[in-house]
């Protein structure tokens, strides 16, 4: 699969994710996920879980957010650091940091969404 983060549903999902529109980002990426072959399908599912987790954060459902982030991290662990033209290593580290923050019960306004950064 060609991961082009500059156009189509991948780009739209990324734009919405960066804007904090997590539910809309989830919907955009789900369209791509449904048609993707493995191992891309599981990779995209992990991104969708991150977006869904932050939708839960917006609704103050921290338990749901934590569960989704842990599931996303488990799915991302086997992927190389630069899979799908994303910085997977950065994303995994950010998810770990977010989980640590959730464990410390810091208010949500101090919780930053994991960075999903494309690279060429």
N, C-alpha and C. Protein backbone atom coordinates (compact mmCIF):
# COMPACT_ATOMS: atom_id res chain seq x y z
N UNK A 1 0.85 -1.18 0.00
CA UNK A 1 0.00 0.00 0.00
C UNK A 1 0.89 1.24 0.00
N UNK A 2 0.48 2.26 -0.74
CA UNK A 2 1.21 3.52 -0.78
C UNK A 2 0.61 4.47 0.25
N UNK A 3 1.39 4.79 1.27
CA UNK A 3 0.93 5.72 2.29
C UNK A 3 1.27 7.15 1.85
N UNK A 4 0.31 7.80 1.22
CA UNK A 4 0.49 9.18 0.79
C UNK A 4 -0.31 10.08 1.73
N UNK A 5 0.40 10.78 2.61
CA UNK A 5 -0.22 11.62 3.63
C UNK A 5 -0.51 13.02 3.12
N UNK A 6 -0.35 13.23 1.79
CA UNK A 6 -0.56 14.57 1.22
C UNK A 6 -1.89 14.71 0.49
N UNK A 7 -2.60 13.60 0.31
CA UNK A 7 -3.87 13.68 -0.41
C UNK A 7 -4.82 12.56 0.02
N UNK A 8 -6.07 12.73 -0.34
CA UNK A 8 -7.07 11.71 -0.06
C UNK A 8 -7.43 11.60 1.41
N UNK A 9 -7.97 10.44 1.76
CA UNK A 9 -8.47 10.21 3.12
C UNK A 9 -7.36 10.20 4.17
N UNK A 10 -6.15 9.76 3.79
CA UNK A 10 -5.05 9.80 4.75
C UNK A 10 -4.73 11.25 5.12
N UNK A 11 -4.64 12.11 4.11
CA UNK A 11 -4.34 13.53 4.36
C UNK A 11 -5.47 14.20 5.14
N UNK A 12 -6.70 13.88 4.78
CA UNK A 12 -7.84 14.47 5.49
C UNK A 12 -7.86 14.04 6.95
N UNK A 13 -7.60 12.78 7.20
CA UNK A 13 -7.55 12.30 8.58
C UNK A 13 -6.43 12.97 9.37
N UNK A 14 -5.29 13.13 8.75
CA UNK A 14 -4.17 13.78 9.42
C UNK A 14 -4.48 15.25 9.72
N UNK A 15 -5.08 15.93 8.76
CA UNK A 15 -5.46 17.32 8.98
C UNK A 15 -6.43 17.44 10.15
N UNK A 16 -7.41 16.56 10.18
CA UNK A 16 -8.39 16.60 11.27
C UNK A 16 -7.78 16.19 12.61
N UNK A 17 -6.88 15.23 12.59
CA UNK A 17 -6.19 14.83 13.82
C UNK A 17 -5.41 16.02 14.38
N UNK A 18 -4.65 16.67 13.51
CA UNK A 18 -3.86 17.83 13.94
C UNK A 18 -4.74 18.97 14.44
N UNK A 19 -5.97 19.04 13.96
CA UNK A 19 -6.91 20.08 14.39
C UNK A 19 -7.66 19.69 15.66
N UNK A 20 -7.41 18.48 16.17
CA UNK A 20 -8.11 18.02 17.37
C UNK A 20 -9.50 17.49 17.09
N UNK A 21 -9.79 17.21 15.82
CA UNK A 21 -11.08 16.64 15.41
C UNK A 21 -10.91 15.12 15.31
N UNK A 22 -10.80 14.51 16.47
CA UNK A 22 -10.40 13.10 16.52
C UNK A 22 -11.44 12.15 15.94
N UNK A 23 -12.71 12.40 16.18
CA UNK A 23 -13.72 11.51 15.63
C UNK A 23 -13.72 11.58 14.11
N UNK A 24 -13.60 12.78 13.55
CA UNK A 24 -13.56 12.94 12.09
C UNK A 24 -12.30 12.29 11.50
N UNK A 25 -11.17 12.40 12.20
CA UNK A 25 -9.94 11.77 11.74
C UNK A 25 -10.12 10.25 11.69
N UNK A 26 -10.73 9.74 12.74
CA UNK A 26 -11.03 8.30 12.82
C UNK A 26 -11.85 7.87 11.62
N UNK A 27 -12.86 8.63 11.28
CA UNK A 27 -13.74 8.29 10.15
C UNK A 27 -12.97 8.30 8.82
N UNK A 28 -12.11 9.29 8.62
CA UNK A 28 -11.33 9.36 7.38
C UNK A 28 -10.40 8.16 7.24
N UNK A 29 -9.69 7.83 8.32
CA UNK A 29 -8.75 6.73 8.25
C UNK A 29 -9.44 5.38 8.19
N UNK A 30 -10.64 5.29 8.74
CA UNK A 30 -11.36 4.02 8.69
C UNK A 30 -11.69 3.63 7.25
N UNK A 31 -11.95 4.61 6.42
CA UNK A 31 -12.23 4.34 5.01
C UNK A 31 -11.05 3.63 4.35
N UNK A 32 -9.84 4.08 4.64
CA UNK A 32 -8.63 3.47 4.09
C UNK A 32 -8.40 2.10 4.73
N UNK A 33 -8.59 2.03 6.03
CA UNK A 33 -8.37 0.79 6.78
C UNK A 33 -9.22 -0.36 6.24
N UNK A 34 -10.47 -0.09 5.92
CA UNK A 34 -11.37 -1.14 5.46
C UNK A 34 -10.85 -1.85 4.21
N UNK A 35 -10.16 -1.12 3.34
CA UNK A 35 -9.68 -1.70 2.08
C UNK A 35 -8.22 -2.15 2.13
N UNK A 36 -7.54 -1.90 3.24
CA UNK A 36 -6.09 -2.16 3.32
C UNK A 36 -5.80 -3.64 3.53
N UNK A 37 -4.71 -4.12 2.92
CA UNK A 37 -4.23 -5.48 3.20
C UNK A 37 -3.35 -5.46 4.45
N UNK A 38 -3.11 -6.64 5.01
CA UNK A 38 -2.14 -6.74 6.12
C UNK A 38 -0.74 -6.61 5.54
N UNK A 39 0.22 -6.08 6.26
CA UNK A 39 0.20 -5.59 7.63
C UNK A 39 -0.27 -4.15 7.77
N UNK A 40 -0.60 -3.53 6.63
CA UNK A 40 -1.05 -2.12 6.67
C UNK A 40 -2.35 -1.95 7.43
N UNK A 41 -3.20 -2.96 7.35
CA UNK A 41 -4.51 -2.89 8.03
C UNK A 41 -4.35 -2.74 9.54
N UNK A 42 -3.49 -3.56 10.13
CA UNK A 42 -3.26 -3.48 11.58
C UNK A 42 -2.59 -2.16 11.95
N UNK A 43 -1.67 -1.70 11.10
CA UNK A 43 -1.02 -0.42 11.34
C UNK A 43 -2.04 0.71 11.36
N UNK A 44 -2.91 0.76 10.36
CA UNK A 44 -3.95 1.78 10.32
C UNK A 44 -4.91 1.65 11.50
N UNK A 45 -5.20 0.43 11.90
CA UNK A 45 -6.08 0.24 13.05
C UNK A 45 -5.46 0.87 14.30
N UNK A 46 -4.15 0.78 14.44
CA UNK A 46 -3.51 1.40 15.61
C UNK A 46 -3.67 2.92 15.57
N UNK A 47 -3.57 3.53 14.40
CA UNK A 47 -3.77 4.98 14.29
C UNK A 47 -5.21 5.35 14.62
N UNK A 48 -6.12 4.55 14.16
CA UNK A 48 -7.54 4.77 14.46
C UNK A 48 -7.78 4.66 15.96
N UNK A 49 -7.12 3.72 16.60
CA UNK A 49 -7.28 3.58 18.05
C UNK A 49 -6.73 4.81 18.80
N UNK A 50 -5.65 5.38 18.30
CA UNK A 50 -5.11 6.60 18.92
C UNK A 50 -6.12 7.74 18.78
N UNK A 51 -6.71 7.89 17.60
CA UNK A 51 -7.69 8.96 17.41
C UNK A 51 -8.92 8.72 18.28
N UNK A 52 -9.36 7.48 18.37
CA UNK A 52 -10.52 7.17 19.21
C UNK A 52 -10.19 7.42 20.67
N UNK A 53 -8.97 7.13 21.08
CA UNK A 53 -8.56 7.38 22.47
C UNK A 53 -8.68 8.86 22.80
N UNK A 54 -8.26 9.72 21.90
CA UNK A 54 -8.33 11.15 22.20
C UNK A 54 -9.74 11.70 22.05
N UNK A 55 -10.57 11.03 21.31
CA UNK A 55 -12.00 11.37 21.34
C UNK A 55 -12.54 11.07 22.75
N UNK A 56 -12.11 9.96 23.32
CA UNK A 56 -12.51 9.63 24.70
C UNK A 56 -11.97 10.66 25.69
N UNK A 57 -10.74 11.12 25.49
CA UNK A 57 -10.17 12.15 26.37
C UNK A 57 -11.04 13.40 26.33
N UNK A 58 -11.46 13.79 25.13
CA UNK A 58 -12.32 14.97 25.00
C UNK A 58 -13.63 14.80 25.77
N UNK A 59 -14.04 13.57 25.96
CA UNK A 59 -15.29 13.29 26.68
C UNK A 59 -15.03 12.89 28.13
N UNK A 60 -13.79 13.10 28.59
CA UNK A 60 -13.37 12.78 29.96
C UNK A 60 -13.48 11.30 30.31
N UNK A 61 -13.38 10.45 29.33
CA UNK A 61 -13.38 9.00 29.54
C UNK A 61 -11.94 8.50 29.48
N UNK A 62 -11.22 8.68 30.58
CA UNK A 62 -9.80 8.36 30.62
C UNK A 62 -9.53 6.87 30.65
N UNK A 63 -10.44 6.09 31.20
CA UNK A 63 -10.27 4.63 31.22
C UNK A 63 -10.35 4.10 29.79
N UNK A 64 -11.33 4.56 29.03
CA UNK A 64 -11.45 4.14 27.63
C UNK A 64 -10.25 4.59 26.82
N UNK A 65 -9.77 5.80 27.07
CA UNK A 65 -8.60 6.31 26.36
C UNK A 65 -7.37 5.45 26.66
N UNK A 66 -7.18 5.12 27.91
CA UNK A 66 -6.03 4.32 28.29
C UNK A 66 -6.07 2.94 27.63
N UNK A 67 -7.22 2.33 27.63
CA UNK A 67 -7.35 1.00 27.00
C UNK A 67 -7.03 1.05 25.51
N UNK A 68 -7.55 2.06 24.83
CA UNK A 68 -7.29 2.17 23.39
C UNK A 68 -5.82 2.47 23.10
N UNK A 69 -5.21 3.32 23.92
CA UNK A 69 -3.79 3.63 23.71
C UNK A 69 -2.92 2.40 23.95
N UNK A 70 -3.25 1.62 24.95
CA UNK A 70 -2.47 0.39 25.20
C UNK A 70 -2.63 -0.60 24.03
N UNK A 71 -3.83 -0.71 23.50
CA UNK A 71 -4.07 -1.59 22.35
C UNK A 71 -3.30 -1.08 21.13
N UNK A 72 -3.31 0.22 20.91
CA UNK A 72 -2.59 0.80 19.77
C UNK A 72 -1.09 0.55 19.92
N UNK A 73 -0.57 0.74 21.11
CA UNK A 73 0.86 0.53 21.34
C UNK A 73 1.24 -0.93 21.09
N UNK A 74 0.42 -1.87 21.54
CA UNK A 74 0.69 -3.30 21.28
C UNK A 74 0.75 -3.57 19.78
N UNK A 75 -0.16 -2.97 19.04
CA UNK A 75 -0.18 -3.18 17.59
C UNK A 75 1.03 -2.54 16.91
N UNK A 76 1.48 -1.40 17.43
CA UNK A 76 2.60 -0.67 16.80
C UNK A 76 3.97 -1.28 17.11
N UNK A 77 4.08 -2.03 18.20
CA UNK A 77 5.39 -2.53 18.63
C UNK A 77 6.16 -3.28 17.54
N UNK A 78 5.53 -4.15 16.74
CA UNK A 78 6.33 -4.90 15.76
C UNK A 78 6.77 -4.09 14.53
N UNK A 79 6.22 -2.91 14.33
CA UNK A 79 6.53 -2.15 13.12
C UNK A 79 7.86 -1.42 13.25
N UNK A 80 8.60 -1.30 12.13
CA UNK A 80 9.87 -0.58 12.17
C UNK A 80 9.65 0.91 12.45
N UNK A 81 10.71 1.62 12.82
CA UNK A 81 10.59 3.02 13.24
C UNK A 81 10.00 3.97 12.20
N UNK A 82 10.07 3.62 10.93
CA UNK A 82 9.57 4.52 9.89
C UNK A 82 8.51 3.91 9.00
N UNK A 83 7.71 3.04 9.51
CA UNK A 83 6.70 2.35 8.71
C UNK A 83 5.60 3.30 8.23
N UNK A 84 5.10 3.04 7.03
CA UNK A 84 3.97 3.79 6.49
C UNK A 84 4.25 5.27 6.28
N UNK A 85 5.53 5.58 6.11
CA UNK A 85 5.96 6.97 5.95
C UNK A 85 5.64 7.84 7.16
N UNK A 86 5.57 7.20 8.33
CA UNK A 86 5.36 7.91 9.59
C UNK A 86 6.53 7.64 10.53
N UNK A 87 6.72 8.55 11.45
CA UNK A 87 7.71 8.33 12.51
C UNK A 87 7.05 7.48 13.59
N UNK A 88 7.12 6.17 13.41
CA UNK A 88 6.49 5.23 14.34
C UNK A 88 7.19 5.26 15.69
N UNK A 89 8.51 5.42 15.68
CA UNK A 89 9.25 5.49 16.94
C UNK A 89 8.77 6.68 17.78
N UNK A 90 8.59 7.82 17.16
CA UNK A 90 8.08 9.01 17.85
C UNK A 90 6.67 8.76 18.38
N UNK A 91 5.83 8.17 17.55
CA UNK A 91 4.46 7.89 17.95
C UNK A 91 4.42 6.94 19.15
N UNK A 92 5.21 5.88 19.11
CA UNK A 92 5.25 4.94 20.24
C UNK A 92 5.71 5.63 21.52
N UNK A 93 6.75 6.45 21.40
CA UNK A 93 7.24 7.18 22.58
C UNK A 93 6.18 8.13 23.13
N UNK A 94 5.50 8.83 22.24
CA UNK A 94 4.44 9.75 22.68
C UNK A 94 3.30 8.99 23.36
N UNK A 95 2.94 7.83 22.83
CA UNK A 95 1.88 7.03 23.46
C UNK A 95 2.32 6.61 24.86
N UNK A 96 3.56 6.17 24.99
CA UNK A 96 4.07 5.79 26.32
C UNK A 96 4.01 6.97 27.29
N UNK A 97 4.42 8.15 26.82
CA UNK A 97 4.37 9.35 27.66
C UNK A 97 2.93 9.68 28.06
N UNK A 98 2.02 9.55 27.11
CA UNK A 98 0.61 9.84 27.38
C UNK A 98 0.06 8.85 28.42
N UNK A 99 0.41 7.58 28.28
CA UNK A 99 -0.03 6.58 29.25
C UNK A 99 0.52 6.88 30.64
N UNK A 100 1.76 7.32 30.70
CA UNK A 100 2.34 7.68 31.99
C UNK A 100 1.60 8.87 32.60
N UNK A 101 1.25 9.83 31.77
CA UNK A 101 0.49 10.99 32.24
C UNK A 101 -0.89 10.57 32.73
N UNK A 102 -1.54 9.69 31.98
CA UNK A 102 -2.85 9.20 32.41
C UNK A 102 -2.75 8.45 33.73
N UNK A 103 -1.70 7.68 33.89
CA UNK A 103 -1.50 6.95 35.15
C UNK A 103 -1.30 7.89 36.32
N UNK A 104 -0.75 9.07 36.07
CA UNK A 104 -0.50 10.03 37.15
C UNK A 104 -1.72 10.90 37.45
N UNK A 105 -2.79 10.72 36.68
CA UNK A 105 -4.06 11.44 36.88
C UNK A 105 -3.93 12.95 36.71
N UNK A 106 -3.10 13.36 35.75
CA UNK A 106 -2.96 14.79 35.44
C UNK A 106 -4.21 15.24 34.69
N UNK A 107 -4.70 16.44 34.95
CA UNK A 107 -5.90 16.93 34.25
C UNK A 107 -5.72 16.88 32.73
N UNK A 108 -6.81 16.67 32.03
CA UNK A 108 -6.77 16.46 30.58
C UNK A 108 -6.22 17.65 29.81
N UNK A 109 -6.34 18.87 30.33
CA UNK A 109 -5.83 20.02 29.59
C UNK A 109 -4.32 19.99 29.45
N UNK A 110 -3.65 19.13 30.22
CA UNK A 110 -2.21 18.97 30.13
C UNK A 110 -1.83 17.75 29.29
N UNK A 111 -2.79 17.11 28.69
CA UNK A 111 -2.56 15.89 27.94
C UNK A 111 -2.47 16.21 26.45
N UNK A 112 -1.29 16.01 25.88
CA UNK A 112 -1.08 16.28 24.46
C UNK A 112 -1.28 14.98 23.66
N UNK A 113 -1.92 15.11 22.53
CA UNK A 113 -2.11 13.95 21.66
C UNK A 113 -0.77 13.51 21.08
N UNK A 114 -0.56 12.20 20.95
CA UNK A 114 0.67 11.71 20.34
C UNK A 114 0.86 12.29 18.94
N UNK A 115 2.10 12.57 18.61
CA UNK A 115 2.41 13.15 17.31
C UNK A 115 2.40 12.08 16.23
N UNK A 116 1.64 12.34 15.20
CA UNK A 116 1.61 11.47 14.02
C UNK A 116 2.24 12.30 12.91
N UNK A 117 3.54 12.07 12.68
CA UNK A 117 4.31 12.89 11.76
C UNK A 117 4.76 12.10 10.55
N UNK A 118 4.27 12.47 9.38
CA UNK A 118 4.74 11.84 8.15
C UNK A 118 6.15 12.31 7.81
N UNK A 119 6.86 11.47 7.09
CA UNK A 119 8.15 11.86 6.54
C UNK A 119 8.22 11.34 5.11
N UNK A 120 9.05 11.96 4.30
CA UNK A 120 9.12 11.57 2.87
C UNK A 120 9.54 10.14 2.65
